Amino acid sequence: MAAYVAGPRGLLVALALTVLATIFWRMPRGSTGFVRDVTAGVFLICYVPMLAGFPILLLQPDQDGPQRVVTFFLVTIASDVGGYAVGVLVGKHPMAPTISPKKSWEGFAGSTLACVGAGIASVVLLLDGRWWVGAIVGLVAVVTATVGDLGESMIKRDLGIKDMSNLLPGHGGLMDRLDSLLATAPAVWLLLYLLV
């Protein structure tokens, strides 16, 4: 809500107030585990609501806000689909076997091609931007989407769970659908803000 109403400053102020509220909320229970609990709370606040505020910031420009959101979704989805398709067909070399055994370097190459293609097409066709801006958006998005996916896998390994929830059976839970999106949103917002 703060990002929609007041832009980046609103998002920053809302984040700061929420962090302070988390600290004050935890204080009455004493000092045992205080740092651990507050750190976990701040991590959760930054990981989900703050990062989810960036797609809202993409809506800010009156002239092309919805197209910016579509561009963000297209490059992120292209990364996931390209990586999955190529990885399933020809994936042989694991990227991070202890974190995510099914991710392969071949899949990453597929993600890169799909993501750059989607970036170029969406920036040129939807935002009247230059092709090279779309290529940069695609290249950055493939890295952030992959890091987001691997980061979510690390969280699950650390917690000792296979799925974050059973809301979407067979998909690792709802967060497995959001991990790439959350990590990619700030980067796409910044690039589009600076270059388009």
N, C-alpha and C. Protein backbone atom coordinates (compact mmCIF):
# COMPACT_ATOMS: atom_id res chain seq x y z
N MET A 1 0.83 -1.19 0.00
CA MET A 1 0.00 0.00 0.00
C MET A 1 0.87 1.26 0.00
N ALA A 2 1.90 1.26 0.83
CA ALA A 2 2.79 2.43 0.91
C ALA A 2 3.51 2.66 -0.41
N ALA A 3 3.94 1.59 -1.06
CA ALA A 3 4.62 1.72 -2.35
C ALA A 3 3.67 2.28 -3.40
N TYR A 4 2.42 1.87 -3.38
CA TYR A 4 1.44 2.34 -4.36
C TYR A 4 1.11 3.81 -4.15
N VAL A 5 0.94 4.20 -2.89
CA VAL A 5 0.54 5.56 -2.58
C VAL A 5 1.71 6.54 -2.65
N ALA A 6 2.87 6.15 -2.12
CA ALA A 6 3.97 7.12 -1.96
C ALA A 6 5.26 6.74 -2.68
N GLY A 7 5.24 5.70 -3.49
CA GLY A 7 6.43 5.34 -4.26
C GLY A 7 7.56 4.76 -3.41
N PRO A 8 8.80 4.89 -3.89
CA PRO A 8 9.94 4.29 -3.20
C PRO A 8 10.11 4.79 -1.76
N ARG A 9 9.88 6.07 -1.53
CA ARG A 9 10.01 6.60 -0.17
C ARG A 9 8.98 5.97 0.76
N GLY A 10 7.78 5.80 0.26
CA GLY A 10 6.73 5.16 1.05
C GLY A 10 7.10 3.73 1.42
N LEU A 11 7.68 3.01 0.45
CA LEU A 11 8.10 1.63 0.71
C LEU A 11 9.20 1.60 1.77
N LEU A 12 10.14 2.52 1.68
CA LEU A 12 11.25 2.58 2.65
C LEU A 12 10.74 2.92 4.05
N VAL A 13 9.85 3.89 4.15
CA VAL A 13 9.30 4.28 5.46
C VAL A 13 8.48 3.13 6.05
N ALA A 14 7.68 2.47 5.23
CA ALA A 14 6.89 1.33 5.71
C ALA A 14 7.79 0.21 6.21
N LEU A 15 8.89 -0.03 5.50
CA LEU A 15 9.85 -1.05 5.92
C LEU A 15 10.45 -0.68 7.28
N ALA A 16 10.89 0.56 7.42
CA ALA A 16 11.51 1.00 8.68
C ALA A 16 10.52 0.88 9.84
N LEU A 17 9.30 1.31 9.64
CA LEU A 17 8.29 1.24 10.71
C LEU A 17 7.96 -0.20 11.07
N THR A 18 7.91 -1.07 10.08
CA THR A 18 7.61 -2.47 10.35
C THR A 18 8.75 -3.14 11.11
N VAL A 19 9.99 -2.80 10.77
CA VAL A 19 11.14 -3.34 11.50
C VAL A 19 11.09 -2.87 12.96
N LEU A 20 10.82 -1.59 13.18
CA LEU A 20 10.71 -1.08 14.55
C LEU A 20 9.58 -1.77 15.30
N ALA A 21 8.45 -1.96 14.65
CA ALA A 21 7.32 -2.65 15.29
C ALA A 21 7.70 -4.08 15.66
N THR A 22 8.48 -4.74 14.83
CA THR A 22 8.93 -6.11 15.11
C THR A 22 9.81 -6.13 16.36
N ILE A 23 10.71 -5.16 16.45
CA ILE A 23 11.60 -5.08 17.62
C ILE A 23 10.79 -4.84 18.89
N PHE A 24 9.87 -3.87 18.85
CA PHE A 24 9.06 -3.57 20.03
C PHE A 24 8.14 -4.72 20.41
N TRP A 25 7.61 -5.41 19.42
CA TRP A 25 6.71 -6.54 19.65
C TRP A 25 7.44 -7.66 20.39
N ARG A 26 8.73 -7.85 20.07
CA ARG A 26 9.50 -8.96 20.64
C ARG A 26 10.06 -8.62 22.02
N MET A 27 10.26 -7.36 22.34
CA MET A 27 10.90 -6.94 23.60
C MET A 27 10.26 -7.52 24.87
N PRO A 28 8.95 -7.56 25.02
CA PRO A 28 8.37 -8.03 26.28
C PRO A 28 8.72 -9.48 26.65
N ARG A 29 9.17 -10.27 25.68
CA ARG A 29 9.50 -11.67 25.99
C ARG A 29 10.92 -11.87 26.49
N GLY A 30 11.65 -10.81 26.71
CA GLY A 30 12.99 -10.93 27.30
C GLY A 30 14.09 -11.07 26.28
N SER A 31 15.32 -11.17 26.82
CA SER A 31 16.49 -11.14 25.96
C SER A 31 16.86 -12.50 25.37
N THR A 32 16.38 -13.59 25.93
CA THR A 32 16.73 -14.92 25.43
C THR A 32 16.17 -15.10 24.02
N GLY A 33 17.04 -15.28 23.05
CA GLY A 33 16.64 -15.47 21.66
C GLY A 33 16.21 -14.21 20.95
N PHE A 34 16.43 -13.05 21.58
CA PHE A 34 15.97 -11.78 21.01
C PHE A 34 16.57 -11.51 19.62
N VAL A 35 17.90 -11.61 19.53
CA VAL A 35 18.56 -11.31 18.26
C VAL A 35 18.10 -12.29 17.18
N ARG A 36 18.00 -13.57 17.52
CA ARG A 36 17.55 -14.58 16.55
C ARG A 36 16.14 -14.28 16.06
N ASP A 37 15.24 -13.98 16.99
CA ASP A 37 13.84 -13.73 16.63
C ASP A 37 13.68 -12.47 15.79
N VAL A 38 14.35 -11.40 16.21
CA VAL A 38 14.23 -10.13 15.47
C VAL A 38 14.87 -10.28 14.09
N THR A 39 16.00 -10.95 14.02
CA THR A 39 16.66 -11.16 12.73
C THR A 39 15.76 -11.96 11.80
N ALA A 40 15.14 -13.01 12.31
CA ALA A 40 14.22 -13.80 11.49
C ALA A 40 13.03 -12.94 11.04
N GLY A 41 12.52 -12.12 11.94
CA GLY A 41 11.40 -11.25 11.59
C GLY A 41 11.76 -10.23 10.52
N VAL A 42 12.93 -9.61 10.66
CA VAL A 42 13.38 -8.62 9.68
C VAL A 42 13.65 -9.29 8.34
N PHE A 43 14.24 -10.48 8.38
CA PHE A 43 14.47 -11.23 7.13
C PHE A 43 13.15 -11.49 6.41
N LEU A 44 12.17 -11.94 7.16
CA LEU A 44 10.86 -12.23 6.56
C LEU A 44 10.22 -10.96 5.99
N ILE A 45 10.32 -9.86 6.72
CA ILE A 45 9.76 -8.58 6.26
C ILE A 45 10.44 -8.14 4.96
N CYS A 46 11.75 -8.27 4.91
CA CYS A 46 12.48 -7.85 3.70
C CYS A 46 12.25 -8.81 2.55
N TYR A 47 12.18 -10.09 2.86
CA TYR A 47 12.11 -11.11 1.81
C TYR A 47 10.77 -11.11 1.09
N VAL A 48 9.69 -10.96 1.79
CA VAL A 48 8.39 -11.05 1.12
C VAL A 48 7.75 -9.68 0.90
N PRO A 49 7.29 -8.98 1.94
CA PRO A 49 6.55 -7.75 1.65
C PRO A 49 7.36 -6.64 0.99
N MET A 50 8.61 -6.45 1.42
CA MET A 50 9.39 -5.38 0.80
C MET A 50 9.66 -5.68 -0.67
N LEU A 51 10.13 -6.88 -0.97
CA LEU A 51 10.40 -7.23 -2.37
C LEU A 51 9.12 -7.23 -3.20
N ALA A 52 8.00 -7.61 -2.58
CA ALA A 52 6.72 -7.59 -3.30
C ALA A 52 6.25 -6.17 -3.57
N GLY A 53 6.83 -5.19 -2.89
CA GLY A 53 6.49 -3.80 -3.15
C GLY A 53 7.03 -3.29 -4.48
N PHE A 54 8.06 -3.93 -5.02
CA PHE A 54 8.66 -3.45 -6.26
C PHE A 54 7.76 -3.62 -7.48
N PRO A 55 7.01 -4.71 -7.62
CA PRO A 55 6.05 -4.74 -8.74
C PRO A 55 5.01 -3.62 -8.63
N ILE A 56 4.68 -3.24 -7.40
CA ILE A 56 3.77 -2.11 -7.21
C ILE A 56 4.44 -0.82 -7.68
N LEU A 57 5.73 -0.67 -7.40
CA LEU A 57 6.46 0.51 -7.88
C LEU A 57 6.51 0.56 -9.40
N LEU A 58 6.50 -0.61 -10.05
CA LEU A 58 6.49 -0.64 -11.51
C LEU A 58 5.24 0.03 -12.07
N LEU A 59 4.17 0.04 -11.29
CA LEU A 59 2.92 0.66 -11.74
C LEU A 59 2.94 2.18 -11.67
N GLN A 60 3.91 2.76 -10.97
CA GLN A 60 3.93 4.20 -10.72
C GLN A 60 3.86 5.07 -11.97
N PRO A 61 4.67 4.82 -13.01
CA PRO A 61 4.59 5.71 -14.18
C PRO A 61 3.20 5.62 -14.82
N ASP A 62 2.52 6.75 -14.92
CA ASP A 62 1.16 6.76 -15.44
C ASP A 62 1.06 6.27 -16.88
N GLN A 63 2.07 6.60 -17.69
CA GLN A 63 1.96 6.29 -19.10
C GLN A 63 2.15 4.82 -19.43
N ASP A 64 3.02 4.11 -18.71
CA ASP A 64 3.29 2.72 -19.10
C ASP A 64 3.48 1.78 -17.91
N GLY A 65 2.91 2.10 -16.78
CA GLY A 65 3.05 1.25 -15.59
C GLY A 65 2.62 -0.19 -15.81
N PRO A 66 1.42 -0.43 -16.35
CA PRO A 66 1.01 -1.83 -16.57
C PRO A 66 1.94 -2.59 -17.52
N GLN A 67 2.46 -1.91 -18.54
CA GLN A 67 3.39 -2.57 -19.46
C GLN A 67 4.70 -2.94 -18.77
N ARG A 68 5.11 -2.12 -17.81
CA ARG A 68 6.33 -2.44 -17.04
C ARG A 68 6.11 -3.70 -16.19
N VAL A 69 4.93 -3.81 -15.62
CA VAL A 69 4.61 -5.01 -14.84
C VAL A 69 4.58 -6.24 -15.73
N VAL A 70 3.99 -6.12 -16.91
CA VAL A 70 3.95 -7.24 -17.85
C VAL A 70 5.37 -7.63 -18.27
N THR A 71 6.22 -6.63 -18.52
CA THR A 71 7.62 -6.90 -18.87
C THR A 71 8.32 -7.68 -17.76
N PHE A 72 8.12 -7.23 -16.53
CA PHE A 72 8.70 -7.92 -15.38
C PHE A 72 8.25 -9.38 -15.31
N PHE A 73 6.96 -9.62 -15.46
CA PHE A 73 6.46 -11.00 -15.42
C PHE A 73 6.98 -11.82 -16.59
N LEU A 74 7.01 -11.25 -17.78
CA LEU A 74 7.45 -12.00 -18.96
C LEU A 74 8.91 -12.45 -18.84
N VAL A 75 9.80 -11.55 -18.42
CA VAL A 75 11.21 -11.96 -18.34
C VAL A 75 11.41 -13.01 -17.25
N THR A 76 10.70 -12.88 -16.14
CA THR A 76 10.87 -13.85 -15.06
C THR A 76 10.31 -15.21 -15.45
N ILE A 77 9.14 -15.21 -16.04
CA ILE A 77 8.53 -16.47 -16.48
C ILE A 77 9.36 -17.11 -17.59
N ALA A 78 9.89 -16.29 -18.50
CA ALA A 78 10.75 -16.82 -19.57
C ALA A 78 11.97 -17.50 -18.99
N SER A 79 12.52 -16.94 -17.93
CA SER A 79 13.68 -17.56 -17.29
C SER A 79 13.32 -18.94 -16.75
N ASP A 80 12.20 -19.02 -16.03
CA ASP A 80 11.77 -20.30 -15.46
C ASP A 80 11.44 -21.33 -16.54
N VAL A 81 10.68 -20.92 -17.55
CA VAL A 81 10.24 -21.85 -18.60
C VAL A 81 11.43 -22.28 -19.46
N GLY A 82 12.28 -21.32 -19.87
CA GLY A 82 13.44 -21.68 -20.68
C GLY A 82 14.39 -22.62 -19.96
N GLY A 83 14.60 -22.36 -18.69
CA GLY A 83 15.48 -23.23 -17.90
C GLY A 83 14.91 -24.62 -17.72
N TYR A 84 13.62 -24.68 -17.45
CA TYR A 84 12.97 -25.99 -17.26
C TYR A 84 13.00 -26.80 -18.55
N ALA A 85 12.60 -26.17 -19.66
CA ALA A 85 12.51 -26.90 -20.93
C ALA A 85 13.88 -27.43 -21.37
N VAL A 86 14.87 -26.58 -21.38
CA VAL A 86 16.20 -27.01 -21.83
C VAL A 86 16.82 -27.97 -20.82
N GLY A 87 16.61 -27.71 -19.53
CA GLY A 87 17.15 -28.60 -18.51
C GLY A 87 16.60 -30.01 -18.59
N VAL A 88 15.30 -30.12 -18.84
CA VAL A 88 14.68 -31.44 -18.96
C VAL A 88 15.16 -32.16 -20.22
N LEU A 89 15.31 -31.42 -21.31
CA LEU A 89 15.69 -32.04 -22.58
C LEU A 89 17.16 -32.42 -22.66
N VAL A 90 18.06 -31.53 -22.22
CA VAL A 90 19.49 -31.79 -22.42
C VAL A 90 20.34 -31.53 -21.19
N GLY A 91 19.73 -31.28 -20.04
CA GLY A 91 20.49 -30.97 -18.84
C GLY A 91 21.33 -32.13 -18.35
N LYS A 92 22.64 -31.94 -18.29
CA LYS A 92 23.54 -33.01 -17.84
C LYS A 92 24.49 -32.56 -16.73
N HIS A 93 24.81 -31.29 -16.69
CA HIS A 93 25.81 -30.80 -15.75
C HIS A 93 25.14 -29.98 -14.65
N PRO A 94 25.08 -30.54 -13.44
CA PRO A 94 24.40 -29.84 -12.34
C PRO A 94 25.07 -28.51 -12.00
N MET A 95 24.24 -27.51 -11.75
CA MET A 95 24.74 -26.19 -11.41
C MET A 95 25.12 -26.13 -9.93
N ALA A 96 24.22 -26.58 -9.08
CA ALA A 96 24.44 -26.55 -7.63
C ALA A 96 23.84 -27.81 -7.04
N PRO A 97 24.52 -28.95 -7.18
CA PRO A 97 23.92 -30.24 -6.81
C PRO A 97 23.50 -30.36 -5.35
N THR A 98 24.18 -29.69 -4.44
CA THR A 98 23.79 -29.80 -3.03
C THR A 98 22.62 -28.90 -2.68
N ILE A 99 22.37 -27.89 -3.51
CA ILE A 99 21.27 -26.96 -3.23
C ILE A 99 20.03 -27.34 -4.01
N SER A 100 20.18 -27.49 -5.31
CA SER A 100 19.05 -27.80 -6.19
C SER A 100 19.54 -28.77 -7.26
N PRO A 101 19.43 -30.08 -6.99
CA PRO A 101 20.04 -31.10 -7.86
C PRO A 101 19.55 -31.09 -9.31
N LYS A 102 18.36 -30.59 -9.56
CA LYS A 102 17.82 -30.63 -10.92
C LYS A 102 18.24 -29.43 -11.77
N LYS A 103 18.80 -28.40 -11.16
CA LYS A 103 19.25 -27.23 -11.93
C LYS A 103 20.56 -27.57 -12.64
N SER A 104 20.57 -27.31 -13.96
CA SER A 104 21.77 -27.62 -14.74
C SER A 104 22.28 -26.37 -15.45
N TRP A 105 23.53 -26.44 -15.86
CA TRP A 105 24.12 -25.34 -16.62
C TRP A 105 23.45 -25.21 -17.98
N GLU A 106 23.04 -26.33 -18.55
CA GLU A 106 22.31 -26.28 -19.82
C GLU A 106 20.97 -25.57 -19.64
N GLY A 107 20.31 -25.85 -18.52
CA GLY A 107 19.07 -25.16 -18.22
C GLY A 107 19.29 -23.67 -18.03
N PHE A 108 20.40 -23.30 -17.40
CA PHE A 108 20.72 -21.88 -17.23
C PHE A 108 20.92 -21.21 -18.59
N ALA A 109 21.55 -21.91 -19.52
CA ALA A 109 21.72 -21.36 -20.88
C ALA A 109 20.35 -21.16 -21.53
N GLY A 110 19.45 -22.13 -21.35
CA GLY A 110 18.10 -21.98 -21.88
C GLY A 110 17.37 -20.81 -21.24
N SER A 111 17.54 -20.67 -19.93
CA SER A 111 16.96 -19.52 -19.22
C SER A 111 17.48 -18.21 -19.79
N THR A 112 18.77 -18.16 -20.05
CA THR A 112 19.38 -16.94 -20.56
C THR A 112 18.82 -16.57 -21.92
N LEU A 113 18.76 -17.53 -22.82
CA LEU A 113 18.23 -17.25 -24.17
C LEU A 113 16.78 -16.79 -24.11
N ALA A 114 15.97 -17.50 -23.35
CA ALA A 114 14.55 -17.16 -23.25
C ALA A 114 14.35 -15.80 -22.58
N CYS A 115 15.12 -15.55 -21.54
CA CYS A 115 14.99 -14.31 -20.78
C CYS A 115 15.43 -13.11 -21.60
N VAL A 116 16.54 -13.22 -22.30
CA VAL A 116 17.01 -12.11 -23.14
C VAL A 116 16.02 -11.87 -24.27
N GLY A 117 15.52 -12.94 -24.88
CA GLY A 117 14.52 -12.78 -25.94
C GLY A 117 13.26 -12.09 -25.44
N ALA A 118 12.77 -12.51 -24.29
CA ALA A 118 11.57 -11.89 -23.71
C ALA A 118 11.85 -10.45 -23.32
N GLY A 119 13.05 -10.17 -22.80
CA GLY A 119 13.41 -8.81 -22.44
C GLY A 119 13.44 -7.88 -23.64
N ILE A 120 14.07 -8.33 -24.70
CA ILE A 120 14.13 -7.50 -25.92
C ILE A 120 12.73 -7.26 -26.47
N ALA A 121 11.96 -8.34 -26.62
CA ALA A 121 10.62 -8.21 -27.20
C ALA A 121 9.73 -7.30 -26.37
N SER A 122 9.73 -7.49 -25.05
CA SER A 122 8.81 -6.71 -24.22
C SER A 122 9.24 -5.25 -24.10
N VAL A 123 10.54 -4.99 -23.97
CA VAL A 123 10.98 -3.59 -23.87
C VAL A 123 10.72 -2.85 -25.19
N VAL A 124 10.99 -3.49 -26.31
CA VAL A 124 10.79 -2.84 -27.61
C VAL A 124 9.30 -2.68 -27.91
N LEU A 125 8.53 -3.76 -27.75
CA LEU A 125 7.13 -3.73 -28.17
C LEU A 125 6.19 -3.06 -27.16
N LEU A 126 6.46 -3.26 -25.88
CA LEU A 126 5.54 -2.72 -24.86
C LEU A 126 5.95 -1.35 -24.35
N LEU A 127 7.26 -1.08 -24.31
CA LEU A 127 7.73 0.16 -23.68
C LEU A 127 8.39 1.13 -24.66
N ASP A 128 8.44 0.76 -25.94
CA ASP A 128 9.10 1.60 -26.95
C ASP A 128 10.54 1.92 -26.55
N GLY A 129 11.19 0.96 -25.91
CA GLY A 129 12.58 1.14 -25.50
C GLY A 129 13.52 0.57 -26.54
N ARG A 130 14.79 0.68 -26.26
CA ARG A 130 15.81 0.18 -27.18
C ARG A 130 16.06 -1.30 -26.92
N TRP A 131 16.46 -2.01 -27.97
CA TRP A 131 16.64 -3.45 -27.86
C TRP A 131 17.70 -3.81 -26.84
N TRP A 132 18.77 -3.01 -26.78
CA TRP A 132 19.86 -3.34 -25.88
C TRP A 132 19.44 -3.20 -24.41
N VAL A 133 18.47 -2.31 -24.14
CA VAL A 133 17.93 -2.21 -22.78
C VAL A 133 17.20 -3.50 -22.44
N GLY A 134 16.43 -4.03 -23.40
CA GLY A 134 15.75 -5.31 -23.18
C GLY A 134 16.73 -6.44 -22.94
N ALA A 135 17.86 -6.42 -23.67
CA ALA A 135 18.88 -7.46 -23.48
C ALA A 135 19.48 -7.37 -22.08
N ILE A 136 19.75 -6.14 -21.63
CA ILE A 136 20.29 -5.97 -20.27
C ILE A 136 19.27 -6.43 -19.23
N VAL A 137 18.02 -6.04 -19.41
CA VAL A 137 16.96 -6.46 -18.48
C VAL A 137 16.90 -7.99 -18.44
N GLY A 138 16.96 -8.63 -19.60
CA GLY A 138 16.92 -10.10 -19.64
C GLY A 138 18.11 -10.74 -18.97
N LEU A 139 19.31 -10.20 -19.21
CA LEU A 139 20.51 -10.77 -18.60
C LEU A 139 20.51 -10.63 -17.08
N VAL A 140 20.11 -9.46 -16.61
CA VAL A 140 20.06 -9.25 -15.16
C VAL A 140 18.96 -10.12 -14.55
N ALA A 141 17.81 -10.21 -15.23
CA ALA A 141 16.69 -10.99 -14.71
C ALA A 141 17.03 -12.47 -14.61
N VAL A 142 17.79 -13.00 -15.56
CA VAL A 142 18.12 -14.43 -15.49
C VAL A 142 19.02 -14.70 -14.28
N VAL A 143 19.90 -13.78 -13.96
CA VAL A 143 20.77 -13.96 -12.79
C VAL A 143 19.95 -13.85 -11.51
N THR A 144 19.13 -12.80 -11.40
CA THR A 144 18.36 -12.62 -10.17
C THR A 144 17.33 -13.72 -9.97
N ALA A 145 16.70 -14.17 -11.06
CA ALA A 145 15.71 -15.25 -10.95
C ALA A 145 16.38 -16.55 -10.48
N THR A 146 17.56 -16.82 -11.01
CA THR A 146 18.28 -18.04 -10.62
C THR A 146 18.74 -17.95 -9.17
N VAL A 147 19.26 -16.78 -8.78
CA VAL A 147 19.69 -16.59 -7.38
C VAL A 147 18.48 -16.71 -6.45
N GLY A 148 17.34 -16.14 -6.84
CA GLY A 148 16.13 -16.25 -6.03
C GLY A 148 15.69 -17.69 -5.85
N ASP A 149 15.75 -18.46 -6.93
CA ASP A 149 15.37 -19.87 -6.87
C ASP A 149 16.33 -20.66 -5.99
N LEU A 150 17.62 -20.44 -6.17
CA LEU A 150 18.61 -21.16 -5.35
C LEU A 150 18.54 -20.71 -3.89
N GLY A 151 18.28 -19.42 -3.66
CA GLY A 151 18.14 -18.93 -2.29
C GLY A 151 16.97 -19.58 -1.57
N GLU A 152 15.85 -19.71 -2.27
CA GLU A 152 14.68 -20.38 -1.68
C GLU A 152 15.00 -21.84 -1.37
N SER A 153 15.74 -22.50 -2.26
CA SER A 153 16.15 -23.89 -2.01
C SER A 153 17.05 -23.97 -0.77
N MET A 154 17.93 -22.99 -0.61
CA MET A 154 18.81 -22.97 0.57
C MET A 154 17.99 -22.81 1.85
N ILE A 155 16.99 -21.96 1.81
CA ILE A 155 16.13 -21.77 2.99
C ILE A 155 15.45 -23.08 3.34
N LYS A 156 14.92 -23.78 2.34
CA LYS A 156 14.25 -25.07 2.60
C LYS A 156 15.22 -26.10 3.15
N ARG A 157 16.43 -26.14 2.60
CA ARG A 157 17.44 -27.09 3.11
C ARG A 157 17.78 -26.77 4.57
N ASP A 158 17.95 -25.48 4.86
CA ASP A 158 18.29 -25.07 6.22
C ASP A 158 17.17 -25.43 7.20
N LEU A 159 15.93 -25.29 6.76
CA LEU A 159 14.79 -25.63 7.62
C LEU A 159 14.50 -27.13 7.65
N GLY A 160 15.14 -27.88 6.76
CA GLY A 160 14.94 -29.32 6.71
C GLY A 160 13.58 -29.74 6.16
N ILE A 161 13.06 -28.95 5.21
CA ILE A 161 11.76 -29.28 4.62
C ILE A 161 11.90 -29.39 3.11
N LYS A 162 10.99 -30.16 2.51
CA LYS A 162 11.00 -30.31 1.06
C LYS A 162 10.18 -29.23 0.39
N ASP A 163 9.02 -28.94 0.95
CA ASP A 163 8.12 -27.94 0.39
C ASP A 163 7.80 -26.89 1.45
N MET A 164 7.66 -25.62 1.00
CA MET A 164 7.31 -24.54 1.92
C MET A 164 5.87 -24.65 2.40
N SER A 165 5.03 -25.24 1.57
CA SER A 165 3.63 -25.45 1.95
C SER A 165 3.07 -26.53 1.05
N ASN A 166 1.86 -26.95 1.32
CA ASN A 166 1.22 -27.91 0.43
C ASN A 166 0.07 -27.27 -0.33
N LEU A 167 0.10 -25.94 -0.44
CA LEU A 167 -0.92 -25.21 -1.18
C LEU A 167 -0.88 -25.56 -2.66
N LEU A 168 0.33 -25.72 -3.22
CA LEU A 168 0.50 -26.13 -4.61
C LEU A 168 1.27 -27.44 -4.64
N PRO A 169 0.60 -28.57 -4.49
CA PRO A 169 1.30 -29.87 -4.41
C PRO A 169 2.17 -30.12 -5.64
N GLY A 170 3.38 -30.63 -5.38
CA GLY A 170 4.30 -30.95 -6.46
C GLY A 170 5.10 -29.77 -6.97
N HIS A 171 4.86 -28.58 -6.45
CA HIS A 171 5.58 -27.39 -6.90
C HIS A 171 6.48 -26.83 -5.82
N GLY A 172 6.60 -27.49 -4.70
CA GLY A 172 7.46 -26.99 -3.63
C GLY A 172 6.78 -25.95 -2.76
N GLY A 173 5.53 -25.69 -3.01
CA GLY A 173 4.80 -24.70 -2.22
C GLY A 173 4.71 -23.37 -2.93
N LEU A 174 3.97 -22.48 -2.34
CA LEU A 174 3.72 -21.17 -2.93
C LEU A 174 5.01 -20.37 -3.13
N MET A 175 5.92 -20.44 -2.19
CA MET A 175 7.16 -19.66 -2.30
C MET A 175 8.01 -20.10 -3.49
N ASP A 176 7.89 -21.35 -3.92
CA ASP A 176 8.63 -21.79 -5.09
C ASP A 176 8.10 -21.14 -6.36
N ARG A 177 6.89 -20.65 -6.34
CA ARG A 177 6.35 -19.89 -7.48
C ARG A 177 6.76 -18.43 -7.39
N LEU A 178 7.05 -17.95 -6.19
CA LEU A 178 7.34 -16.53 -5.99
C LEU A 178 8.82 -16.21 -5.89
N ASP A 179 9.67 -17.20 -5.62
CA ASP A 179 11.08 -16.91 -5.33
C ASP A 179 11.77 -16.13 -6.44
N SER A 180 11.60 -16.55 -7.68
CA SER A 180 12.23 -15.85 -8.80
C SER A 180 11.64 -14.46 -8.97
N LEU A 181 10.33 -14.36 -8.82
CA LEU A 181 9.66 -13.07 -8.98
C LEU A 181 10.14 -12.06 -7.93
N LEU A 182 10.20 -12.51 -6.67
CA LEU A 182 10.62 -11.59 -5.60
C LEU A 182 12.04 -11.09 -5.80
N ALA A 183 12.93 -11.97 -6.22
CA ALA A 183 14.33 -11.57 -6.39
C ALA A 183 14.53 -10.69 -7.62
N THR A 184 13.70 -10.87 -8.62
CA THR A 184 13.86 -10.14 -9.88
C THR A 184 13.22 -8.76 -9.86
N ALA A 185 12.18 -8.59 -9.06
CA ALA A 185 11.41 -7.34 -9.07
C ALA A 185 12.26 -6.08 -8.83
N PRO A 186 13.12 -6.03 -7.80
CA PRO A 186 13.89 -4.79 -7.60
C PRO A 186 14.83 -4.48 -8.76
N ALA A 187 15.44 -5.50 -9.33
CA ALA A 187 16.39 -5.28 -10.43
C ALA A 187 15.68 -4.75 -11.67
N VAL A 188 14.53 -5.35 -12.01
CA VAL A 188 13.80 -4.89 -13.19
C VAL A 188 13.27 -3.48 -12.96
N TRP A 189 12.75 -3.22 -11.76
CA TRP A 189 12.27 -1.86 -11.47
C TRP A 189 13.39 -0.84 -11.66
N LEU A 190 14.56 -1.12 -11.10
CA LEU A 190 15.67 -0.17 -11.18
C LEU A 190 16.11 0.04 -12.62
N LEU A 191 16.27 -1.05 -13.38
CA LEU A 191 16.72 -0.91 -14.76
C LEU A 191 15.71 -0.14 -15.60
N LEU A 192 14.44 -0.44 -15.44
CA LEU A 192 13.42 0.28 -16.22
C LEU A 192 13.33 1.74 -15.78
N TYR A 193 13.51 1.97 -14.50
CA TYR A 193 13.48 3.35 -13.98
C TYR A 193 14.63 4.16 -14.56
N LEU A 194 15.81 3.55 -14.67
CA LEU A 194 16.99 4.27 -15.14
C LEU A 194 17.09 4.35 -16.66
N LEU A 195 16.63 3.30 -17.38
CA LEU A 195 16.93 3.19 -18.80
C LEU A 195 15.75 3.40 -19.73
N VAL A 196 14.52 3.36 -19.20
CA VAL A 196 13.36 3.51 -20.09
C VAL A 196 12.61 4.77 -19.70
